[in-house]
Amino acid sequence: MTFGEKLLSLRQKKGLKQIDLAKELGVNANTICNYETGKTYPRQREIYAKLAQILDVEPAFLYNEQDVFISQAQQEFGYRGKKGAEKLVTELSGLFAGGELAEDDMDEMMLAIQEAYIIAKKNNKKYTPKKY
């Protein structure tokens, strides 16, 4: 379940409208909409903590390393970076399904691959001559 799906479900269970949650959180209603649709993710852990408090859940339930990775890829590399990161997370999740690797080892491997993805994207930036 993605962050957006969790947020939508919890908000509806609490009987809150997007505008109500936005006011309590101190953000724009469009921000909540973007969170729920997966267009954006909170950039600060404090937002996760505040949402968790409002929705009566643990911050760890909302917070997800993959969400942060996808958000970082989008910020640095735009839409294509986001889509590539989402595809990588999906494929890696399938790779680990049903395996015998310890949970901590899977997490560390996932983080290492995510870091490698970011490094590769930075190193492969296209060269644009100054005249353009």
N, C-alpha and C. Protein backbone atom coordinates (compact mmCIF):
# COMPACT_ATOMS: atom_id res chain seq x y z
N MET A 1 0.85 -1.18 0.00
CA MET A 1 0.00 0.00 0.00
C MET A 1 0.90 1.24 0.00
N THR A 2 0.64 2.15 -0.92
CA THR A 2 1.45 3.36 -1.01
C THR A 2 1.05 4.36 0.07
N PHE A 3 1.90 5.37 0.22
CA PHE A 3 1.61 6.42 1.18
C PHE A 3 0.26 7.07 0.88
N GLY A 4 0.02 7.39 -0.39
CA GLY A 4 -1.23 8.03 -0.79
C GLY A 4 -2.45 7.20 -0.45
N GLU A 5 -2.36 5.90 -0.70
CA GLU A 5 -3.48 5.00 -0.40
C GLU A 5 -3.72 4.93 1.10
N LYS A 6 -2.64 4.88 1.87
CA LYS A 6 -2.77 4.86 3.33
C LYS A 6 -3.43 6.15 3.82
N LEU A 7 -2.95 7.27 3.30
CA LEU A 7 -3.48 8.57 3.72
C LEU A 7 -4.96 8.69 3.39
N LEU A 8 -5.35 8.32 2.19
CA LEU A 8 -6.75 8.38 1.77
C LEU A 8 -7.62 7.52 2.67
N SER A 9 -7.19 6.30 2.91
CA SER A 9 -7.97 5.37 3.73
C SER A 9 -8.13 5.89 5.16
N LEU A 10 -7.03 6.34 5.75
CA LEU A 10 -7.08 6.84 7.13
C LEU A 10 -7.91 8.10 7.24
N ARG A 11 -7.78 8.99 6.26
CA ARG A 11 -8.56 10.23 6.28
C ARG A 11 -10.05 9.93 6.21
N GLN A 12 -10.43 8.98 5.34
CA GLN A 12 -11.84 8.63 5.20
C GLN A 12 -12.37 7.95 6.46
N LYS A 13 -11.55 7.10 7.09
CA LYS A 13 -11.96 6.44 8.33
C LYS A 13 -12.21 7.45 9.44
N LYS A 14 -11.42 8.53 9.44
CA LYS A 14 -11.60 9.58 10.45
C LYS A 14 -12.75 10.52 10.10
N GLY A 15 -13.30 10.38 8.89
CA GLY A 15 -14.40 11.23 8.47
C GLY A 15 -13.97 12.65 8.12
N LEU A 16 -12.72 12.81 7.75
CA LEU A 16 -12.20 14.13 7.42
C LEU A 16 -12.26 14.37 5.91
N LYS A 17 -12.53 15.60 5.53
CA LYS A 17 -12.42 16.01 4.14
C LYS A 17 -10.98 16.46 3.91
N GLN A 18 -10.58 16.50 2.65
CA GLN A 18 -9.22 16.94 2.34
C GLN A 18 -8.94 18.34 2.90
N ILE A 19 -9.89 19.21 2.79
CA ILE A 19 -9.72 20.58 3.26
C ILE A 19 -9.54 20.62 4.78
N ASP A 20 -10.27 19.76 5.50
CA ASP A 20 -10.14 19.71 6.96
C ASP A 20 -8.75 19.22 7.37
N LEU A 21 -8.30 18.16 6.71
CA LEU A 21 -6.97 17.62 7.01
C LEU A 21 -5.90 18.65 6.67
N ALA A 22 -6.08 19.34 5.55
CA ALA A 22 -5.11 20.35 5.13
C ALA A 22 -5.00 21.46 6.17
N LYS A 23 -6.15 21.91 6.70
CA LYS A 23 -6.14 22.96 7.72
C LYS A 23 -5.42 22.50 8.98
N GLU A 24 -5.70 21.29 9.41
CA GLU A 24 -5.05 20.77 10.62
C GLU A 24 -3.55 20.61 10.42
N LEU A 25 -3.17 20.24 9.21
CA LEU A 25 -1.76 20.00 8.90
C LEU A 25 -1.02 21.31 8.59
N GLY A 26 -1.79 22.33 8.19
CA GLY A 26 -1.19 23.61 7.86
C GLY A 26 -0.66 23.68 6.43
N VAL A 27 -1.34 22.96 5.53
CA VAL A 27 -0.96 22.97 4.11
C VAL A 27 -2.18 23.27 3.26
N ASN A 28 -1.97 23.40 1.98
CA ASN A 28 -3.04 23.65 1.02
C ASN A 28 -3.80 22.35 0.75
N ALA A 29 -5.08 22.43 0.44
CA ALA A 29 -5.88 21.24 0.14
C ALA A 29 -5.34 20.51 -1.08
N ASN A 30 -4.77 21.25 -2.03
CA ASN A 30 -4.16 20.60 -3.21
C ASN A 30 -3.00 19.70 -2.81
N THR A 31 -2.30 20.07 -1.77
CA THR A 31 -1.19 19.26 -1.28
C THR A 31 -1.70 17.90 -0.82
N ILE A 32 -2.78 17.88 -0.08
CA ILE A 32 -3.38 16.62 0.37
C ILE A 32 -3.82 15.79 -0.82
N CYS A 33 -4.44 16.43 -1.79
CA CYS A 33 -4.88 15.74 -3.01
C CYS A 33 -3.67 15.12 -3.73
N ASN A 34 -2.59 15.88 -3.84
CA ASN A 34 -1.39 15.38 -4.50
C ASN A 34 -0.75 14.22 -3.73
N TYR A 35 -0.79 14.29 -2.40
CA TYR A 35 -0.29 13.18 -1.59
C TYR A 35 -1.11 11.92 -1.87
N GLU A 36 -2.42 12.06 -1.87
CA GLU A 36 -3.30 10.90 -2.02
C GLU A 36 -3.23 10.28 -3.41
N THR A 37 -2.97 11.08 -4.42
CA THR A 37 -2.88 10.55 -5.78
C THR A 37 -1.48 10.08 -6.12
N GLY A 38 -0.52 10.32 -5.23
CA GLY A 38 0.86 9.88 -5.46
C GLY A 38 1.67 10.82 -6.33
N LYS A 39 1.15 12.01 -6.59
CA LYS A 39 1.90 12.98 -7.39
C LYS A 39 3.08 13.54 -6.62
N THR A 40 2.90 13.72 -5.32
CA THR A 40 3.99 14.21 -4.47
C THR A 40 3.96 13.46 -3.14
N TYR A 41 5.05 13.60 -2.41
CA TYR A 41 5.18 13.01 -1.08
C TYR A 41 5.68 14.09 -0.14
N PRO A 42 5.40 13.97 1.15
CA PRO A 42 5.96 14.94 2.09
C PRO A 42 7.48 14.91 2.03
N ARG A 43 8.08 16.08 2.05
CA ARG A 43 9.54 16.16 1.97
C ARG A 43 10.20 16.10 3.34
N GLN A 44 9.42 16.35 4.37
CA GLN A 44 9.98 16.40 5.72
C GLN A 44 9.32 15.34 6.60
N ARG A 45 10.13 14.75 7.44
CA ARG A 45 9.61 13.73 8.36
C ARG A 45 8.61 14.33 9.35
N GLU A 46 8.73 15.63 9.61
CA GLU A 46 7.81 16.28 10.53
C GLU A 46 6.37 16.21 10.01
N ILE A 47 6.22 16.27 8.70
CA ILE A 47 4.88 16.18 8.10
C ILE A 47 4.30 14.80 8.37
N TYR A 48 5.13 13.77 8.21
CA TYR A 48 4.67 12.40 8.50
C TYR A 48 4.23 12.30 9.96
N ALA A 49 5.04 12.88 10.86
CA ALA A 49 4.72 12.82 12.30
C ALA A 49 3.41 13.55 12.60
N LYS A 50 3.23 14.71 11.99
CA LYS A 50 2.00 15.49 12.22
C LYS A 50 0.78 14.75 11.66
N LEU A 51 0.93 14.17 10.46
CA LEU A 51 -0.17 13.39 9.88
C LEU A 51 -0.52 12.20 10.77
N ALA A 52 0.51 11.53 11.26
CA ALA A 52 0.29 10.37 12.12
C ALA A 52 -0.46 10.76 13.39
N GLN A 53 -0.12 11.91 13.95
CA GLN A 53 -0.80 12.38 15.14
C GLN A 53 -2.27 12.69 14.84
N ILE A 54 -2.52 13.36 13.74
CA ILE A 54 -3.90 13.72 13.36
C ILE A 54 -4.73 12.47 13.09
N LEU A 55 -4.10 11.48 12.43
CA LEU A 55 -4.83 10.28 12.00
C LEU A 55 -4.75 9.12 13.01
N ASP A 56 -4.11 9.37 14.16
CA ASP A 56 -4.00 8.37 15.24
C ASP A 56 -3.33 7.08 14.79
N VAL A 57 -2.18 7.21 14.13
CA VAL A 57 -1.38 6.05 13.75
C VAL A 57 0.08 6.35 14.08
N GLU A 58 0.91 5.33 14.01
CA GLU A 58 2.34 5.51 14.22
C GLU A 58 2.96 6.14 12.97
N PRO A 59 3.90 7.06 13.14
CA PRO A 59 4.55 7.66 11.97
C PRO A 59 5.20 6.61 11.06
N ALA A 60 5.72 5.56 11.64
CA ALA A 60 6.37 4.51 10.85
C ALA A 60 5.39 3.84 9.90
N PHE A 61 4.11 3.82 10.25
CA PHE A 61 3.11 3.23 9.36
C PHE A 61 2.99 4.05 8.08
N LEU A 62 3.06 5.37 8.21
CA LEU A 62 2.95 6.24 7.04
C LEU A 62 4.26 6.34 6.28
N TYR A 63 5.35 6.42 7.03
CA TYR A 63 6.66 6.64 6.43
C TYR A 63 7.16 5.39 5.74
N ASN A 64 7.74 5.57 4.60
CA ASN A 64 8.15 4.45 3.78
C ASN A 64 9.37 4.90 2.99
N GLU A 65 10.48 4.18 3.08
CA GLU A 65 11.72 4.57 2.39
C GLU A 65 11.52 4.69 0.88
N GLN A 66 10.68 3.84 0.31
CA GLN A 66 10.47 3.88 -1.12
C GLN A 66 9.83 5.21 -1.53
N ASP A 67 8.91 5.73 -0.71
CA ASP A 67 8.27 7.00 -1.01
C ASP A 67 9.30 8.13 -1.07
N VAL A 68 10.22 8.12 -0.12
CA VAL A 68 11.25 9.15 -0.07
C VAL A 68 12.16 9.03 -1.30
N PHE A 69 12.52 7.81 -1.66
CA PHE A 69 13.36 7.57 -2.84
C PHE A 69 12.68 8.09 -4.11
N ILE A 70 11.41 7.78 -4.28
CA ILE A 70 10.67 8.22 -5.46
C ILE A 70 10.57 9.75 -5.48
N SER A 71 10.31 10.34 -4.32
CA SER A 71 10.21 11.80 -4.23
C SER A 71 11.55 12.45 -4.57
N GLN A 72 12.63 11.89 -4.08
CA GLN A 72 13.97 12.43 -4.36
C GLN A 72 14.28 12.31 -5.84
N ALA A 73 13.95 11.19 -6.45
CA ALA A 73 14.19 11.00 -7.88
C ALA A 73 13.38 12.01 -8.69
N GLN A 74 12.15 12.28 -8.27
CA GLN A 74 11.32 13.25 -8.98
C GLN A 74 11.89 14.66 -8.85
N GLN A 75 12.33 15.03 -7.66
CA GLN A 75 12.88 16.36 -7.45
C GLN A 75 14.14 16.59 -8.29
N GLU A 76 15.00 15.58 -8.35
CA GLU A 76 16.27 15.74 -9.04
C GLU A 76 16.17 15.51 -10.54
N PHE A 77 15.29 14.61 -10.98
CA PHE A 77 15.29 14.21 -12.38
C PHE A 77 13.94 14.34 -13.07
N GLY A 78 12.97 14.93 -12.39
CA GLY A 78 11.67 15.17 -13.01
C GLY A 78 10.80 13.93 -13.14
N TYR A 79 9.84 14.03 -14.05
CA TYR A 79 8.85 12.97 -14.24
C TYR A 79 9.50 11.64 -14.63
N ARG A 80 10.44 11.68 -15.55
CA ARG A 80 11.09 10.43 -16.00
C ARG A 80 11.87 9.77 -14.86
N GLY A 81 12.49 10.59 -14.01
CA GLY A 81 13.20 10.05 -12.86
C GLY A 81 12.25 9.37 -11.89
N LYS A 82 11.09 10.00 -11.69
CA LYS A 82 10.07 9.43 -10.81
C LYS A 82 9.59 8.09 -11.34
N LYS A 83 9.26 8.06 -12.63
CA LYS A 83 8.75 6.81 -13.24
C LYS A 83 9.81 5.72 -13.19
N GLY A 84 11.06 6.07 -13.43
CA GLY A 84 12.14 5.08 -13.35
C GLY A 84 12.30 4.54 -11.93
N ALA A 85 12.19 5.43 -10.95
CA ALA A 85 12.30 5.02 -9.55
C ALA A 85 11.14 4.11 -9.15
N GLU A 86 9.93 4.45 -9.59
CA GLU A 86 8.76 3.61 -9.29
C GLU A 86 8.93 2.21 -9.90
N LYS A 87 9.42 2.18 -11.13
CA LYS A 87 9.62 0.89 -11.80
C LYS A 87 10.69 0.07 -11.07
N LEU A 88 11.76 0.73 -10.66
CA LEU A 88 12.82 0.04 -9.93
C LEU A 88 12.31 -0.55 -8.62
N VAL A 89 11.54 0.24 -7.86
CA VAL A 89 10.99 -0.24 -6.59
C VAL A 89 10.08 -1.44 -6.82
N THR A 90 9.23 -1.36 -7.83
CA THR A 90 8.30 -2.46 -8.14
C THR A 90 9.06 -3.73 -8.50
N GLU A 91 10.06 -3.58 -9.37
CA GLU A 91 10.82 -4.75 -9.81
C GLU A 91 11.64 -5.36 -8.67
N LEU A 92 12.22 -4.51 -7.83
CA LEU A 92 13.00 -5.03 -6.71
C LEU A 92 12.12 -5.70 -5.68
N SER A 93 10.93 -5.16 -5.47
CA SER A 93 10.01 -5.80 -4.52
C SER A 93 9.67 -7.21 -4.99
N GLY A 94 9.46 -7.37 -6.29
CA GLY A 94 9.18 -8.70 -6.86
C GLY A 94 10.38 -9.62 -6.75
N LEU A 95 11.56 -9.05 -6.88
CA LEU A 95 12.79 -9.85 -6.78
C LEU A 95 12.93 -10.50 -5.41
N PHE A 96 12.55 -9.76 -4.36
CA PHE A 96 12.70 -10.25 -3.00
C PHE A 96 11.53 -11.10 -2.51
N ALA A 97 10.45 -11.13 -3.24
CA ALA A 97 9.25 -11.85 -2.79
C ALA A 97 9.53 -13.33 -2.63
N GLY A 98 9.19 -13.84 -1.47
CA GLY A 98 9.31 -15.27 -1.21
C GLY A 98 10.72 -15.76 -0.98
N GLY A 99 11.67 -14.85 -0.86
CA GLY A 99 13.06 -15.26 -0.67
C GLY A 99 13.38 -15.58 0.78
N GLU A 100 14.60 -16.03 0.98
CA GLU A 100 15.05 -16.40 2.33
C GLU A 100 16.00 -15.37 2.91
N LEU A 101 16.14 -14.23 2.28
CA LEU A 101 17.00 -13.17 2.76
C LEU A 101 16.34 -12.49 3.96
N ALA A 102 17.13 -12.22 5.00
CA ALA A 102 16.61 -11.57 6.20
C ALA A 102 16.04 -10.19 5.86
N GLU A 103 15.03 -9.78 6.60
CA GLU A 103 14.36 -8.50 6.34
C GLU A 103 15.34 -7.33 6.37
N ASP A 104 16.23 -7.30 7.38
CA ASP A 104 17.22 -6.22 7.47
C ASP A 104 18.15 -6.21 6.27
N ASP A 105 18.55 -7.39 5.82
CA ASP A 105 19.42 -7.49 4.65
C ASP A 105 18.71 -7.01 3.39
N MET A 106 17.42 -7.33 3.26
CA MET A 106 16.65 -6.86 2.11
C MET A 106 16.56 -5.34 2.11
N ASP A 107 16.33 -4.75 3.29
CA ASP A 107 16.23 -3.29 3.40
C ASP A 107 17.55 -2.63 3.00
N GLU A 108 18.65 -3.17 3.51
CA GLU A 108 19.96 -2.61 3.18
C GLU A 108 20.26 -2.74 1.69
N MET A 109 19.92 -3.86 1.10
CA MET A 109 20.15 -4.06 -0.32
C MET A 109 19.29 -3.09 -1.15
N MET A 110 18.06 -2.92 -0.75
CA MET A 110 17.16 -2.00 -1.44
C MET A 110 17.71 -0.57 -1.38
N LEU A 111 18.18 -0.14 -0.21
CA LEU A 111 18.74 1.20 -0.07
C LEU A 111 20.00 1.37 -0.92
N ALA A 112 20.84 0.34 -0.96
CA ALA A 112 22.06 0.41 -1.76
C ALA A 112 21.72 0.54 -3.25
N ILE A 113 20.74 -0.20 -3.71
CA ILE A 113 20.34 -0.13 -5.12
C ILE A 113 19.73 1.23 -5.43
N GLN A 114 18.95 1.77 -4.48
CA GLN A 114 18.37 3.09 -4.68
C GLN A 114 19.46 4.16 -4.79
N GLU A 115 20.48 4.06 -3.93
CA GLU A 115 21.59 5.01 -4.00
C GLU A 115 22.32 4.87 -5.33
N ALA A 116 22.51 3.64 -5.78
CA ALA A 116 23.18 3.41 -7.06
C ALA A 116 22.38 4.02 -8.20
N TYR A 117 21.06 3.94 -8.14
CA TYR A 117 20.19 4.53 -9.16
C TYR A 117 20.40 6.04 -9.24
N ILE A 118 20.42 6.70 -8.08
CA ILE A 118 20.61 8.15 -8.04
C ILE A 118 21.98 8.51 -8.59
N ILE A 119 23.01 7.80 -8.21
CA ILE A 119 24.36 8.07 -8.70
C ILE A 119 24.43 7.89 -10.22
N ALA A 120 23.82 6.83 -10.71
CA ALA A 120 23.83 6.57 -12.16
C ALA A 120 23.10 7.68 -12.91
N LYS A 121 21.97 8.13 -12.39
CA LYS A 121 21.23 9.21 -13.04
C LYS A 121 22.06 10.50 -13.07
N LYS A 122 22.76 10.79 -11.97
CA LYS A 122 23.59 12.00 -11.93
C LYS A 122 24.75 11.90 -12.92
N ASN A 123 25.36 10.73 -13.00
CA ASN A 123 26.51 10.54 -13.89
C ASN A 123 26.12 10.50 -15.36
N ASN A 124 24.88 10.19 -15.67
CA ASN A 124 24.45 10.05 -17.05
C ASN A 124 23.66 11.25 -17.56
N LYS A 125 23.78 12.39 -16.91
CA LYS A 125 23.10 13.58 -17.40
C LYS A 125 23.62 13.92 -18.78
N LYS A 126 22.72 14.28 -19.64
CA LYS A 126 23.07 14.62 -21.01
C LYS A 126 23.81 15.96 -21.04
N TYR A 127 24.79 16.04 -21.90
CA TYR A 127 25.55 17.27 -22.08
C TYR A 127 24.82 18.16 -23.07
N THR A 128 24.56 19.39 -22.67
CA THR A 128 23.94 20.37 -23.54
C THR A 128 24.92 21.51 -23.76
N PRO A 129 25.29 21.77 -25.01
CA PRO A 129 26.22 22.87 -25.26
C PRO A 129 25.67 24.20 -24.74
N LYS A 130 26.55 25.11 -24.37
CA LYS A 130 26.16 26.40 -23.80
C LYS A 130 25.33 27.24 -24.75
N LYS A 131 25.49 27.05 -26.06
CA LYS A 131 24.76 27.89 -27.00
C LYS A 131 23.26 27.65 -26.94
N TYR A 132 22.80 26.53 -26.35
CA TYR A 132 21.39 26.26 -26.22
C TYR A 132 20.94 26.81 -24.92
